[in-house]
Amino acid sequence: MKNLFWVGAVLLVLGVASLFIAIPRTEHEGVKAGGISLGIETRHDEKIPPIASGIMIVAGAGLMFAAKNRGS
């Protein structure tokens, strides 16, 4: 039962963190010919959609609640 509780706690924390923290992503576009490479690198910071964060929060809280009720 402790494992279920901790999985729920991790999901809850990740769900809350995903509301505020953006995930960095780097793209490289270019041409490579022989030993020469010409291109550009772009960096994007993207947030997870709020609905996905909400689902993670509700699932985490549900798992924690279920583990607490099963344990007692």
C-alpha atoms as a PDB file:
ATOM      1  CA  MET A   1       0.000   0.000   0.000  1.00  0.00           C
ATOM      2  CA  LYS A   2       2.903   2.336   0.643  1.00  0.00           C
ATOM      3  CA  ASN A   3       3.982   2.011  -2.996  1.00  0.00           C
ATOM      4  CA  LEU A   4       0.568   3.123  -4.249  1.00  0.00           C
ATOM      5  CA  PHE A   5       0.664   6.116  -1.914  1.00  0.00           C
ATOM      6  CA  TRP A   6       4.125   7.168  -3.128  1.00  0.00           C
ATOM      7  CA  VAL A   7       3.197   6.764  -6.793  1.00  0.00           C
ATOM      8  CA  GLY A   8       0.222   9.037  -6.125  1.00  0.00           C
ATOM      9  CA  ALA A   9       2.434  11.554  -4.341  1.00  0.00           C
ATOM     10  CA  VAL A  10       4.883  11.647  -7.256  1.00  0.00           C
ATOM     11  CA  LEU A  11       2.033  12.115  -9.743  1.00  0.00           C
ATOM     12  CA  LEU A  12       0.589  14.910  -7.636  1.00  0.00           C
ATOM     13  CA  VAL A  13       3.925  16.744  -7.400  1.00  0.00           C
ATOM     14  CA  LEU A  14       4.617  16.319 -11.127  1.00  0.00           C
ATOM     15  CA  GLY A  15       1.134  17.602 -11.960  1.00  0.00           C
ATOM     16  CA  VAL A  16       1.577  20.723  -9.857  1.00  0.00           C
ATOM     17  CA  ALA A  17       5.110  21.306 -11.179  1.00  0.00           C
ATOM     18  CA  SER A  18       3.968  20.946 -14.790  1.00  0.00           C
ATOM     19  CA  LEU A  19       1.658  23.923 -14.308  1.00  0.00           C
ATOM     20  CA  PHE A  20       4.625  26.221 -13.677  1.00  0.00           C
ATOM     21  CA  ILE A  21       7.720  24.676 -15.279  1.00  0.00           C
ATOM     22  CA  ALA A  22       8.242  24.665 -19.044  1.00  0.00           C
ATOM     23  CA  ILE A  23       9.960  21.778 -20.804  1.00  0.00           C
ATOM     24  CA  PRO A  24      12.865  22.909 -23.023  1.00  0.00           C
ATOM     25  CA  ARG A  25      13.138  21.455 -26.523  1.00  0.00           C
ATOM     26  CA  THR A  26      15.875  22.053 -29.106  1.00  0.00           C
ATOM     27  CA  GLU A  27      15.481  21.643 -32.870  1.00  0.00           C
ATOM     28  CA  HIS A  28      18.315  21.531 -35.378  1.00  0.00           C
ATOM     29  CA  GLU A  29      17.564  22.280 -39.020  1.00  0.00           C
ATOM     30  CA  GLY A  30      20.233  22.378 -41.660  1.00  0.00           C
ATOM     31  CA  VAL A  31      22.189  20.793 -44.451  1.00  0.00           C
ATOM     32  CA  LYS A  32      25.156  18.462 -44.132  1.00  0.00           C
ATOM     33  CA  ALA A  33      27.478  17.951 -47.100  1.00  0.00           C
ATOM     34  CA  GLY A  34      30.621  15.948 -46.530  1.00  0.00           C
ATOM     35  CA  GLY A  35      32.445  17.416 -43.557  1.00  0.00           C
ATOM     36  CA  ILE A  36      30.578  20.736 -43.701  1.00  0.00           C
ATOM     37  CA  SER A  37      27.412  21.385 -41.751  1.00  0.00           C
ATOM     38  CA  LEU A  38      25.283  24.496 -42.165  1.00  0.00           C
ATOM     39  CA  GLY A  39      22.232  24.996 -40.046  1.00  0.00           C
ATOM     40  CA  ILE A  40      20.376  26.723 -37.288  1.00  0.00           C
ATOM     41  CA  GLU A  41      19.418  25.552 -33.826  1.00  0.00           C
ATOM     42  CA  THR A  42      16.249  26.825 -32.184  1.00  0.00           C
ATOM     43  CA  ARG A  43      15.152  26.371 -28.589  1.00  0.00           C
ATOM     44  CA  HIS A  44      11.526  26.266 -27.501  1.00  0.00           C
ATOM     45  CA  ASP A  45      10.077  26.195 -23.998  1.00  0.00           C
ATOM     46  CA  GLU A  46       6.718  24.439 -24.009  1.00  0.00           C
ATOM     47  CA  LYS A  47       4.322  23.862 -21.143  1.00  0.00           C
ATOM     48  CA  ILE A  48       2.154  20.793 -20.799  1.00  0.00           C
ATOM     49  CA  PRO A  49      -1.533  21.573 -21.471  1.00  0.00           C
ATOM     50  CA  PRO A  50      -3.365  22.496 -18.248  1.00  0.00           C
ATOM     51  CA  ILE A  51      -5.888  19.675 -18.727  1.00  0.00           C
ATOM     52  CA  ALA A  52      -3.047  17.111 -18.650  1.00  0.00           C
ATOM     53  CA  SER A  53      -1.682  18.705 -15.476  1.00  0.00           C
ATOM     54  CA  GLY A  54      -5.147  18.568 -13.939  1.00  0.00           C
ATOM     55  CA  ILE A  55      -5.524  14.899 -14.805  1.00  0.00           C
ATOM     56  CA  MET A  56      -2.162  14.129 -13.186  1.00  0.00           C
ATOM     57  CA  ILE A  57      -3.152  16.049 -10.030  1.00  0.00           C
ATOM     58  CA  VAL A  58      -6.529  14.299  -9.737  1.00  0.00           C
ATOM     59  CA  ALA A  59      -5.001  10.865 -10.455  1.00  0.00           C
ATOM     60  CA  GLY A  60      -2.262  11.417  -7.878  1.00  0.00           C
ATOM     61  CA  ALA A  61      -4.707  12.563  -5.222  1.00  0.00           C
ATOM     62  CA  GLY A  62      -6.992   9.619  -6.038  1.00  0.00           C
ATOM     63  CA  LEU A  63      -4.156   7.109  -5.692  1.00  0.00           C
ATOM     64  CA  MET A  64      -3.098   8.628  -2.383  1.00  0.00           C
ATOM     65  CA  PHE A  65      -6.687   8.543  -1.101  1.00  0.00           C
ATOM     66  CA  ALA A  66      -7.176   4.947  -2.251  1.00  0.00           C
ATOM     67  CA  ALA A  67      -3.940   3.819  -0.590  1.00  0.00           C
ATOM     68  CA  LYS A  68      -4.876   5.567   2.639  1.00  0.00           C
ATOM     69  CA  ASN A  69      -8.349   3.952   2.733  1.00  0.00           C
ATOM     70  CA  ARG A  70      -7.050   0.472   1.849  1.00  0.00           C
ATOM     71  CA  GLY A  71      -4.350   0.605   4.485  1.00  0.00           C
ATOM     72  CA  SER A  72      -6.679   1.308   7.408  1.00  0.00           C
END
